[in-house]
Amino acid sequence: MPGAPRPDRGRPAYTHGYGAAVLGSHRERTAENSAAHLLPHLRPGMRLLDVGSGAGTITADLARLVGPRHVVALEVGHEAAELTRAELARQGLEEVEVMVGDAQALPVPDGAFDVVHAHQVLQHLPGPVAALSEFRRVARPGGIVAVRDSDYEGFRWWPELPGLDRWLQLYLRAARANGGTPDAGRRLLAWAHEAGLEDVTLSTSTQLYATAEGRASWAATWTGRLTTGPFAEQVEREGWADAASREEMARAFRDWAAHPDSCFTLLHLEVLARR
């Protein structure tokens, strides 16, 4: 039946978790800096599903554009859903509906939305094509599916520091062990085609940390994640990096941030598809 749950593909394991270091970074996300590929296509009154709403700041911006009562935010668990609700309440957008469900088996009927949006979600899922197939299913004919994901292996920085090389290899290992695809961005077009999406446009964008404030923010989020939370706990538990080696990586981030010539570029890719 339409909207019925699909076979279980495994609950996604979110490598980052929801600690202060993660949320501090995620709350810097806006529709303008994280969903620019979608914004020209939005109109008031469009019904929009925001999959993986997380900290809620992008959701809030999208809700102001189409109207709060037209937006549904979805998160995989109650902890994350409460984070979204809290941010929406803080911004006076309580009309947005927040629900819990799996992006790979959306608990909504066919053709229910004009727009389905997901930011940095597919990289964490064991079934990214299944999720895109679900996005296609719940978008109305003529509707929009818009996704954006990073390509961690396309990240570049200067100066070159061995501690940052070690950090990236460690993160890639942890994300893949959790069933994720940290180079998801480069795969989006192929995944979209495999999911049956047509009229697909691929775009790319970058995020740059090169000011003193930006460098400090980026270094803070990763020194925090290397110290506490699911990522630190996972690599400790698996024997991949003890506290001393993680502190070396955190020190590398602090040294990088303090260098007057330093920069860090994040590579993202986006797909915009018409149903």
Protein backbone atom coordinates (compact mmCIF):
# COMPACT_ATOMS: atom_id res chain seq x y z
CA MET A 1 0.00 0.00 0.00
CA PRO A 2 1.23 3.58 -0.58
CA GLY A 3 3.32 4.82 2.31
CA ALA A 4 3.73 1.38 3.88
CA PRO A 5 7.11 0.73 5.56
CA ARG A 6 9.74 -0.94 3.41
CA PRO A 7 11.91 -3.81 4.64
CA ASP A 8 14.30 -2.72 7.37
CA ARG A 9 17.66 -1.62 5.95
CA GLY A 10 19.16 -0.90 9.35
CA ARG A 11 18.83 2.18 11.50
CA PRO A 12 21.39 4.78 10.42
CA ALA A 13 24.32 5.23 12.82
CA TYR A 14 25.05 8.94 13.08
CA THR A 15 28.82 9.24 13.39
CA HIS A 16 28.79 12.81 14.70
CA GLY A 17 26.15 12.61 17.42
CA TYR A 18 24.44 15.65 18.93
CA GLY A 19 26.99 17.06 21.36
CA ALA A 20 27.76 20.73 21.83
CA ALA A 21 30.68 20.71 19.38
CA VAL A 22 28.47 19.28 16.62
CA LEU A 23 25.46 21.49 17.28
CA GLY A 24 27.59 24.62 17.47
CA SER A 25 28.72 23.96 13.91
CA HIS A 26 25.33 22.84 12.59
CA ARG A 27 23.59 25.91 13.98
CA GLU A 28 25.69 28.02 11.63
CA ARG A 29 23.85 26.44 8.70
CA THR A 30 21.22 28.54 6.94
CA ALA A 31 19.13 28.04 3.83
CA GLU A 32 21.30 30.63 2.11
CA ASN A 33 24.65 28.96 2.85
CA SER A 34 23.42 25.34 2.69
CA ALA A 35 20.46 25.16 0.28
CA ALA A 36 21.16 27.85 -2.32
CA HIS A 37 20.50 25.34 -5.13
CA LEU A 38 16.89 25.02 -3.95
CA LEU A 39 15.94 28.58 -3.01
CA PRO A 40 15.09 29.93 -6.50
CA HIS A 41 12.46 27.19 -6.88
CA LEU A 42 10.54 27.82 -3.66
CA ARG A 43 7.22 29.63 -3.53
CA PRO A 44 4.83 30.44 -0.66
CA GLY A 45 2.32 27.66 -0.10
CA MET A 46 4.53 24.81 -1.31
CA ARG A 47 4.32 21.74 0.93
CA LEU A 48 7.88 20.84 1.92
CA LEU A 49 9.43 17.85 3.68
CA ASP A 50 12.81 18.51 5.30
CA VAL A 51 14.51 15.17 5.90
CA GLY A 52 17.19 15.15 8.60
CA SER A 53 16.28 18.53 10.06
CA GLY A 54 18.77 18.27 12.93
CA ALA A 55 19.59 21.59 14.55
CA GLY A 56 16.59 23.12 12.78
CA THR A 57 18.14 26.30 11.43
CA ILE A 58 17.77 25.36 7.75
CA THR A 59 14.24 24.11 8.43
CA ALA A 60 13.35 27.46 9.99
CA ASP A 61 14.59 29.40 6.97
CA LEU A 62 12.69 27.14 4.57
CA ALA A 63 9.55 27.47 6.68
CA ARG A 64 9.66 31.25 6.42
CA LEU A 65 9.86 30.97 2.63
CA VAL A 66 6.97 28.56 2.03
CA GLY A 67 4.99 29.10 5.25
CA PRO A 68 5.45 27.19 8.53
CA ARG A 69 2.20 25.26 8.32
CA HIS A 70 3.29 23.81 4.97
CA VAL A 71 6.50 22.25 6.34
CA VAL A 72 7.12 18.84 7.88
CA ALA A 73 10.53 18.15 9.45
CA LEU A 74 11.66 14.56 9.86
CA GLU A 75 14.36 13.11 12.10
CA VAL A 76 15.40 9.53 12.73
CA GLY A 77 15.06 9.66 16.53
CA HIS A 78 13.33 11.56 19.31
CA GLU A 79 16.50 13.25 20.57
CA ALA A 80 17.17 14.89 17.21
CA ALA A 81 13.49 15.71 16.69
CA GLU A 82 13.46 17.56 20.00
CA LEU A 83 16.45 19.61 18.88
CA THR A 84 14.52 20.64 15.78
CA ARG A 85 11.41 21.49 17.82
CA ALA A 86 13.43 23.60 20.26
CA GLU A 87 15.00 25.68 17.48
CA LEU A 88 11.70 26.17 15.70
CA ALA A 89 10.08 27.24 18.97
CA ARG A 90 12.94 29.66 19.63
CA GLN A 91 12.25 31.26 16.25
CA GLY A 92 8.48 31.32 16.73
CA LEU A 93 7.76 28.66 14.10
CA GLU A 94 5.79 26.13 16.14
CA GLU A 95 3.40 25.50 13.23
CA VAL A 96 6.05 23.33 11.57
CA GLU A 97 5.24 19.67 12.12
CA VAL A 98 8.16 17.58 13.43
CA MET A 99 7.96 13.81 13.09
CA VAL A 100 10.20 10.80 13.71
CA GLY A 101 10.86 8.30 10.94
CA ASP A 102 13.39 6.62 8.67
CA ALA A 103 14.42 8.41 5.47
CA GLN A 104 14.69 4.99 3.82
CA ALA A 105 11.01 4.18 4.59
CA LEU A 106 9.21 7.50 4.94
CA PRO A 107 6.00 7.33 7.01
CA VAL A 108 4.07 9.55 4.58
CA PRO A 109 1.82 8.80 1.59
CA ASP A 110 2.73 8.99 -2.08
CA GLY A 111 2.81 12.43 -3.69
CA ALA A 112 2.32 14.32 -0.43
CA PHE A 113 4.90 17.08 -1.00
CA ASP A 114 5.86 19.69 -3.57
CA VAL A 115 9.46 19.66 -2.32
CA VAL A 116 11.58 17.03 -0.55
CA HIS A 117 14.83 18.43 0.83
CA ALA A 118 17.75 16.71 2.57
CA HIS A 119 21.03 18.32 3.63
CA GLN A 120 24.02 16.14 4.56
CA VAL A 121 21.78 13.11 5.11
CA LEU A 122 22.50 10.52 2.42
CA GLN A 123 26.16 10.18 3.43
CA HIS A 124 25.06 8.66 6.75
CA LEU A 125 22.53 6.15 5.42
CA PRO A 126 23.15 2.48 4.64
CA GLY A 127 20.58 2.77 1.83
CA PRO A 128 21.02 6.15 0.09
CA VAL A 129 19.35 4.96 -3.13
CA ALA A 130 16.42 3.62 -1.10
CA ALA A 131 16.10 7.04 0.52
CA LEU A 132 16.14 8.82 -2.85
CA SER A 133 13.50 6.38 -4.11
CA GLU A 134 11.39 7.34 -1.11
CA PHE A 135 11.94 11.04 -1.80
CA ARG A 136 10.72 10.41 -5.35
CA ARG A 137 7.70 8.48 -4.09
CA VAL A 138 6.48 11.19 -1.70
CA ALA A 139 7.06 14.07 -4.15
CA ARG A 140 4.05 14.94 -6.28
CA PRO A 141 4.32 14.73 -10.09
CA GLY A 142 6.21 17.85 -11.13
CA GLY A 143 7.59 18.23 -7.60
CA ILE A 144 11.21 18.78 -6.59
CA VAL A 145 13.76 16.54 -4.87
CA ALA A 146 16.77 18.51 -3.62
CA VAL A 147 19.74 16.96 -1.80
CA ARG A 148 23.19 18.19 -0.83
CA ASP A 149 26.08 16.12 0.51
CA SER A 150 29.76 16.57 1.23
CA ASP A 151 32.66 14.73 -0.33
CA TYR A 152 35.12 14.38 2.55
CA GLU A 153 37.84 13.04 0.30
CA GLY A 154 37.58 16.29 -1.65
CA PHE A 155 38.32 18.44 1.41
CA ARG A 156 41.55 20.48 1.11
CA TRP A 157 43.50 22.57 3.58
CA TRP A 158 46.68 24.52 4.07
CA PRO A 159 49.17 24.22 5.73
CA GLU A 160 49.54 20.48 5.27
CA LEU A 161 49.75 18.92 8.72
CA PRO A 162 50.14 15.18 9.40
CA GLY A 163 47.64 15.41 12.26
CA LEU A 164 44.91 16.58 9.87
CA ASP A 165 45.75 13.80 7.42
CA ARG A 166 45.39 11.34 10.29
CA TRP A 167 42.07 12.93 11.34
CA LEU A 168 40.58 12.57 7.86
CA GLN A 169 41.60 8.94 7.52
CA LEU A 170 40.14 8.24 10.95
CA TYR A 171 36.85 9.91 10.13
CA LEU A 172 36.56 8.06 6.80
CA ARG A 173 37.16 4.77 8.59
CA ALA A 174 34.56 5.50 11.28
CA ALA A 175 31.90 6.70 8.84
CA ARG A 176 32.30 3.66 6.61
CA ALA A 177 32.22 1.32 9.60
CA ASN A 178 28.86 2.89 10.47
CA GLY A 179 27.47 2.07 7.03
CA GLY A 180 27.94 5.58 5.66
CA THR A 181 29.48 6.93 2.46
CA PRO A 182 31.67 9.94 3.32
CA ASP A 183 32.38 10.68 -0.36
CA ALA A 184 28.63 10.77 -1.04
CA GLY A 185 28.72 14.04 -2.96
CA ARG A 186 30.42 12.59 -6.04
CA ARG A 187 27.89 9.75 -6.11
CA LEU A 188 24.69 11.83 -5.98
CA LEU A 189 24.02 11.90 -9.72
CA ALA A 190 24.48 8.13 -10.08
CA TRP A 191 22.31 7.49 -7.01
CA ALA A 192 19.59 9.80 -8.34
CA HIS A 193 19.50 7.97 -11.67
CA GLU A 194 19.46 4.59 -9.92
CA ALA A 195 16.49 5.78 -7.84
CA GLY A 196 14.56 6.58 -11.00
CA LEU A 197 14.80 10.35 -10.82
CA GLU A 198 14.81 12.18 -14.12
CA ASP A 199 15.39 15.79 -15.18
CA VAL A 200 18.33 15.86 -12.77
CA THR A 201 20.70 18.82 -12.41
CA LEU A 202 24.02 18.38 -10.61
CA SER A 203 25.81 21.36 -9.09
CA THR A 204 28.73 21.94 -6.77
CA SER A 205 29.63 24.41 -4.07
CA THR A 206 32.37 24.93 -1.53
CA GLN A 207 32.58 26.19 2.02
CA LEU A 208 35.69 28.10 3.02
CA TYR A 209 37.21 28.65 6.45
CA ALA A 210 39.91 31.29 6.05
CA THR A 211 39.14 34.10 8.50
CA ALA A 212 40.35 33.97 12.09
CA GLU A 213 36.76 33.52 13.28
CA GLY A 214 35.98 30.83 10.73
CA ARG A 215 39.17 28.90 11.43
CA ALA A 216 38.51 29.02 15.16
CA SER A 217 34.96 27.72 14.65
CA TRP A 218 36.02 24.83 12.41
CA ALA A 219 38.86 23.86 14.72
CA ALA A 220 36.57 24.01 17.76
CA THR A 221 33.98 21.66 16.30
CA TRP A 222 36.57 19.00 15.46
CA THR A 223 38.64 19.29 18.63
CA GLY A 224 35.35 18.81 20.47
CA ARG A 225 34.37 15.76 18.42
CA LEU A 226 37.81 14.23 18.92
CA THR A 227 37.44 14.63 22.69
CA THR A 228 33.86 13.58 23.52
CA GLY A 229 30.81 12.09 21.86
CA PRO A 230 30.13 9.14 19.54
CA PHE A 231 33.08 9.69 17.18
CA ALA A 232 35.64 9.83 20.00
CA GLU A 233 33.99 6.89 21.75
CA GLN A 234 33.89 4.79 18.58
CA VAL A 235 37.55 5.22 17.66
CA GLU A 236 38.57 4.59 21.29
CA ARG A 237 36.41 1.47 21.51
CA GLU A 238 37.71 0.08 18.23
CA GLY A 239 41.31 0.71 19.21
CA TRP A 240 41.93 3.06 16.27
CA ALA A 241 43.03 6.10 18.28
CA ASP A 242 43.58 6.47 22.01
CA ALA A 243 43.18 9.71 23.96
CA ALA A 244 46.80 10.74 23.39
CA SER A 245 46.64 10.31 19.61
CA ARG A 246 43.29 12.11 19.46
CA GLU A 247 44.81 14.99 21.41
CA GLU A 248 47.61 15.15 18.82
CA MET A 249 44.97 15.54 16.09
CA ALA A 250 43.13 18.17 18.13
CA ARG A 251 46.43 20.04 18.59
CA ALA A 252 46.93 19.91 14.83
CA PHE A 253 43.55 21.61 14.36
CA ARG A 254 44.48 24.30 16.89
CA ASP A 255 47.85 24.84 15.20
CA TRP A 256 46.14 25.06 11.83
CA ALA A 257 43.62 27.60 13.12
CA ALA A 258 46.37 29.79 14.59
CA HIS A 259 48.40 29.94 11.37
CA PRO A 260 47.85 33.29 9.58
CA ASP A 261 47.98 31.66 6.12
CA SER A 262 45.65 28.75 6.87
CA CYS A 263 42.49 27.84 4.98
CA PHE A 264 40.17 24.85 4.80
CA THR A 265 37.80 24.14 1.90
CA LEU A 266 34.85 21.75 2.07
CA LEU A 267 33.52 20.27 -1.16
CA HIS A 268 29.75 19.76 -1.53
CA LEU A 269 27.62 18.54 -4.44
CA GLU A 270 23.91 19.06 -4.98
CA VAL A 271 21.19 17.33 -6.98
CA LEU A 272 17.97 19.04 -7.97
CA ALA A 273 15.47 16.76 -9.70
CA ARG A 274 11.96 17.21 -11.03
CA ARG A 275 9.62 14.34 -10.23
